[in-house]
Amino acid sequence: MFELLVSAGLFLLLDQGSKGIVRSRALHPGVSFGVLQIHYVPHRSAFYQRAAARAFLAVLWPAALASAVFLNRSGMWFHSTPSMIGMGCALGGAAGNLMDILRRKYVADFIDLGWWPVFNVADVGIIGGLALAFWP
């Protein structure tokens, strides 16, 4: 359980810190590093504007955490240290995007590969963390 909490906290800090840096510099049109371009793109969705939708997401995150804890404690999933770290990264990333939605009513995206939709560090944590958590 320690691994889950530490990795979630660290990933949340990494996500919010990176978004804060990009937001403060307001990188328009952006900074380019070859195929990687960093520029601030607020992802606004009508869904995020609705109070009921934000409340649903705020309830969904602790439910996901409780589910992960239950699955670990029951012995069904997430037995290894890497799987707990992966689940922590996914939950930390989800918490980072949830914080954006609750505070700003949008998600701050800034990583642009050109051929993929713009995303952020939280998205990397969610996808990479789940892949690690469920790796056989």
C-alpha atoms as a PDB file:
ATOM      1  CA  MET A   1       0.000   0.000   0.000  1.00  0.00           C
ATOM      2  CA  PHE A   2       2.943   2.294   0.739  1.00  0.00           C
ATOM      3  CA  GLU A   3       4.079   2.052  -2.902  1.00  0.00           C
ATOM      4  CA  LEU A   4       0.645   3.077  -4.166  1.00  0.00           C
ATOM      5  CA  LEU A   5       0.430   6.151  -1.933  1.00  0.00           C
ATOM      6  CA  VAL A   6       3.991   7.335  -2.574  1.00  0.00           C
ATOM      7  CA  SER A   7       3.817   6.870  -6.346  1.00  0.00           C
ATOM      8  CA  ALA A   8       0.389   8.550  -6.491  1.00  0.00           C
ATOM      9  CA  GLY A   9       1.638  11.515  -4.481  1.00  0.00           C
ATOM     10  CA  LEU A  10       4.828  11.894  -6.489  1.00  0.00           C
ATOM     11  CA  PHE A  11       3.013  11.641  -9.806  1.00  0.00           C
ATOM     12  CA  LEU A  12       0.414  14.173  -8.683  1.00  0.00           C
ATOM     13  CA  LEU A  13       3.191  16.596  -7.721  1.00  0.00           C
ATOM     14  CA  LEU A  14       5.007  16.010 -11.023  1.00  0.00           C
ATOM     15  CA  ASP A  15       1.811  16.586 -12.987  1.00  0.00           C
ATOM     16  CA  GLN A  16       0.730  19.719 -11.157  1.00  0.00           C
ATOM     17  CA  GLY A  17       4.270  21.117 -11.160  1.00  0.00           C
ATOM     18  CA  SER A  18       4.701  20.618 -14.905  1.00  0.00           C
ATOM     19  CA  LYS A  19       1.283  22.148 -15.619  1.00  0.00           C
ATOM     20  CA  GLY A  20       2.122  25.095 -13.372  1.00  0.00           C
ATOM     21  CA  ILE A  21       5.391  25.743 -15.196  1.00  0.00           C
ATOM     22  CA  VAL A  22       3.771  25.535 -18.618  1.00  0.00           C
ATOM     23  CA  ARG A  23       0.794  27.652 -17.531  1.00  0.00           C
ATOM     24  CA  SER A  24       3.029  30.348 -16.031  1.00  0.00           C
ATOM     25  CA  ARG A  25       5.111  30.591 -19.182  1.00  0.00           C
ATOM     26  CA  ALA A  26       2.019  30.447 -21.448  1.00  0.00           C
ATOM     27  CA  LEU A  27       3.990  28.802 -24.217  1.00  0.00           C
ATOM     28  CA  HIS A  28       2.211  30.053 -27.333  1.00  0.00           C
ATOM     29  CA  PRO A  29       3.024  28.921 -30.000  1.00  0.00           C
ATOM     30  CA  GLY A  30       5.420  26.690 -28.079  1.00  0.00           C
ATOM     31  CA  VAL A  31       8.927  25.390 -27.599  1.00  0.00           C
ATOM     32  CA  SER A  32      10.151  22.708 -29.972  1.00  0.00           C
ATOM     33  CA  PHE A  33      12.497  19.814 -29.202  1.00  0.00           C
ATOM     34  CA  GLY A  34      12.534  18.017 -32.549  1.00  0.00           C
ATOM     35  CA  VAL A  35       9.388  15.918 -32.758  1.00  0.00           C
ATOM     36  CA  LEU A  36       8.287  17.068 -29.317  1.00  0.00           C
ATOM     37  CA  GLN A  37       6.677  20.466 -28.952  1.00  0.00           C
ATOM     38  CA  ILE A  38       5.637  21.968 -25.635  1.00  0.00           C
ATOM     39  CA  HIS A  39       2.771  24.416 -25.776  1.00  0.00           C
ATOM     40  CA  TYR A  40      -0.165  25.151 -23.520  1.00  0.00           C
ATOM     41  CA  VAL A  41      -3.548  23.937 -24.766  1.00  0.00           C
ATOM     42  CA  PRO A  42      -6.484  24.159 -22.350  1.00  0.00           C
ATOM     43  CA  HIS A  43      -8.738  21.168 -23.069  1.00  0.00           C
ATOM     44  CA  ARG A  44     -12.197  22.543 -22.488  1.00  0.00           C
ATOM     45  CA  SER A  45     -15.184  20.240 -22.610  1.00  0.00           C
ATOM     46  CA  ALA A  46     -18.861  20.977 -22.103  1.00  0.00           C
ATOM     47  CA  PHE A  47     -18.847  17.975 -19.754  1.00  0.00           C
ATOM     48  CA  TYR A  48     -16.378  19.708 -17.417  1.00  0.00           C
ATOM     49  CA  GLN A  49     -18.590  22.785 -17.218  1.00  0.00           C
ATOM     50  CA  ARG A  50     -21.493  20.901 -15.605  1.00  0.00           C
ATOM     51  CA  ALA A  51     -21.479  20.812 -11.805  1.00  0.00           C
ATOM     52  CA  ALA A  52     -23.057  17.347 -11.776  1.00  0.00           C
ATOM     53  CA  ALA A  53     -20.321  16.011 -14.044  1.00  0.00           C
ATOM     54  CA  ARG A  54     -17.597  17.433 -11.819  1.00  0.00           C
ATOM     55  CA  ALA A  55     -19.313  15.956  -8.745  1.00  0.00           C
ATOM     56  CA  PHE A  56     -19.496  12.577 -10.488  1.00  0.00           C
ATOM     57  CA  LEU A  57     -15.763  12.684 -11.256  1.00  0.00           C
ATOM     58  CA  ALA A  58     -15.003  13.750  -7.682  1.00  0.00           C
ATOM     59  CA  VAL A  59     -16.851  10.645  -6.426  1.00  0.00           C
ATOM     60  CA  LEU A  60     -15.385   8.358  -9.083  1.00  0.00           C
ATOM     61  CA  TRP A  61     -11.739   8.958  -8.053  1.00  0.00           C
ATOM     62  CA  PRO A  62     -12.112   7.734  -4.432  1.00  0.00           C
ATOM     63  CA  ALA A  63     -14.177   4.815  -5.741  1.00  0.00           C
ATOM     64  CA  ALA A  64     -11.263   3.863  -8.022  1.00  0.00           C
ATOM     65  CA  LEU A  65      -8.862   4.112  -5.082  1.00  0.00           C
ATOM     66  CA  ALA A  66     -11.134   1.974  -2.911  1.00  0.00           C
ATOM     67  CA  SER A  67     -11.412  -0.588  -5.720  1.00  0.00           C
ATOM     68  CA  ALA A  68      -7.634  -0.794  -6.071  1.00  0.00           C
ATOM     69  CA  VAL A  69      -7.232  -1.235  -2.313  1.00  0.00           C
ATOM     70  CA  PHE A  70      -9.964  -3.893  -2.250  1.00  0.00           C
ATOM     71  CA  LEU A  71      -8.421  -5.814  -5.157  1.00  0.00           C
ATOM     72  CA  ASN A  72      -5.022  -5.706  -3.475  1.00  0.00           C
ATOM     73  CA  ARG A  73      -6.315  -6.779  -0.067  1.00  0.00           C
ATOM     74  CA  SER A  74      -8.469  -9.564  -1.523  1.00  0.00           C
ATOM     75  CA  GLY A  75      -5.436 -11.023  -3.294  1.00  0.00           C
ATOM     76  CA  MET A  76      -7.122 -10.794  -6.691  1.00  0.00           C
ATOM     77  CA  TRP A  77      -4.864  -8.130  -8.315  1.00  0.00           C
ATOM     78  CA  PHE A  78      -1.974  -5.790  -7.660  1.00  0.00           C
ATOM     79  CA  HIS A  79       0.173  -8.132  -5.560  1.00  0.00           C
ATOM     80  CA  SER A  80       3.574  -6.980  -6.773  1.00  0.00           C
ATOM     81  CA  THR A  81       5.435  -3.785  -6.030  1.00  0.00           C
ATOM     82  CA  PRO A  82       5.498  -2.746  -9.734  1.00  0.00           C
ATOM     83  CA  SER A  83       1.740  -3.210 -10.024  1.00  0.00           C
ATOM     84  CA  MET A  84       1.140  -1.080  -6.924  1.00  0.00           C
ATOM     85  CA  ILE A  85       3.480   1.612  -8.262  1.00  0.00           C
ATOM     86  CA  GLY A  86       1.644   1.500 -11.597  1.00  0.00           C
ATOM     87  CA  MET A  87      -1.731   1.842  -9.916  1.00  0.00           C
ATOM     88  CA  GLY A  88      -0.359   4.732  -7.876  1.00  0.00           C
ATOM     89  CA  CYS A  89       0.850   6.506 -11.035  1.00  0.00           C
ATOM     90  CA  ALA A  90      -2.569   6.005 -12.637  1.00  0.00           C
ATOM     91  CA  LEU A  91      -4.402   7.320  -9.572  1.00  0.00           C
ATOM     92  CA  GLY A  92      -1.966  10.228  -9.196  1.00  0.00           C
ATOM     93  CA  GLY A  93      -2.439  11.153 -12.861  1.00  0.00           C
ATOM     94  CA  ALA A  94      -6.208  10.914 -12.540  1.00  0.00           C
ATOM     95  CA  ALA A  95      -6.058  13.106  -9.433  1.00  0.00           C
ATOM     96  CA  GLY A  96      -4.024  15.696 -11.355  1.00  0.00           C
ATOM     97  CA  ASN A  97      -6.556  15.926 -14.159  1.00  0.00           C
ATOM     98  CA  LEU A  98      -9.405  15.916 -11.628  1.00  0.00           C
ATOM     99  CA  MET A  99      -7.804  18.855  -9.805  1.00  0.00           C
ATOM    100  CA  ASP A 100      -7.694  20.786 -13.084  1.00  0.00           C
ATOM    101  CA  ILE A 101     -11.338  20.016 -13.797  1.00  0.00           C
ATOM    102  CA  LEU A 102     -12.489  20.984 -10.301  1.00  0.00           C
ATOM    103  CA  ARG A 103     -10.388  24.170 -10.062  1.00  0.00           C
ATOM    104  CA  ARG A 104     -10.361  25.447 -13.636  1.00  0.00           C
ATOM    105  CA  LYS A 105     -13.105  23.505 -15.440  1.00  0.00           C
ATOM    106  CA  TYR A 106     -10.584  22.348 -18.040  1.00  0.00           C
ATOM    107  CA  VAL A 107      -7.518  20.119 -18.293  1.00  0.00           C
ATOM    108  CA  ALA A 108      -4.171  21.716 -19.127  1.00  0.00           C
ATOM    109  CA  ASP A 109      -2.480  19.804 -21.955  1.00  0.00           C
ATOM    110  CA  PHE A 110       0.952  20.702 -23.315  1.00  0.00           C
ATOM    111  CA  ILE A 111       2.845  17.733 -24.790  1.00  0.00           C
ATOM    112  CA  ASP A 112       2.480  17.717 -28.575  1.00  0.00           C
ATOM    113  CA  LEU A 113       4.031  15.020 -30.745  1.00  0.00           C
ATOM    114  CA  GLY A 114       2.366  16.370 -33.880  1.00  0.00           C
ATOM    115  CA  TRP A 115       0.770  13.085 -34.894  1.00  0.00           C
ATOM    116  CA  TRP A 116      -1.118  12.497 -31.611  1.00  0.00           C
ATOM    117  CA  PRO A 117      -3.596  14.688 -29.707  1.00  0.00           C
ATOM    118  CA  VAL A 118      -1.932  17.044 -27.216  1.00  0.00           C
ATOM    119  CA  PHE A 119      -1.700  15.488 -23.743  1.00  0.00           C
ATOM    120  CA  ASN A 120      -0.097  16.031 -20.332  1.00  0.00           C
ATOM    121  CA  VAL A 121       1.971  14.235 -17.683  1.00  0.00           C
ATOM    122  CA  ALA A 122      -1.191  13.007 -15.934  1.00  0.00           C
ATOM    123  CA  ASP A 123      -2.258  11.200 -19.107  1.00  0.00           C
ATOM    124  CA  VAL A 124       1.129   9.473 -19.259  1.00  0.00           C
ATOM    125  CA  GLY A 125       0.674   8.368 -15.645  1.00  0.00           C
ATOM    126  CA  ILE A 126      -2.813   7.052 -16.262  1.00  0.00           C
ATOM    127  CA  ILE A 127      -1.965   5.022 -19.376  1.00  0.00           C
ATOM    128  CA  GLY A 128       1.552   3.968 -18.360  1.00  0.00           C
ATOM    129  CA  GLY A 129       0.492   3.261 -14.789  1.00  0.00           C
ATOM    130  CA  LEU A 130      -2.407   1.037 -15.823  1.00  0.00           C
ATOM    131  CA  ALA A 131      -0.180  -0.807 -18.285  1.00  0.00           C
ATOM    132  CA  LEU A 132       2.312  -1.454 -15.468  1.00  0.00           C
ATOM    133  CA  ALA A 133      -0.412  -2.360 -12.963  1.00  0.00           C
ATOM    134  CA  PHE A 134      -1.956  -4.979 -15.216  1.00  0.00           C
ATOM    135  CA  TRP A 135       1.298  -6.303 -16.704  1.00  0.00           C
ATOM    136  CA  PRO A 136       1.304 -10.084 -16.212  1.00  0.00           C
END
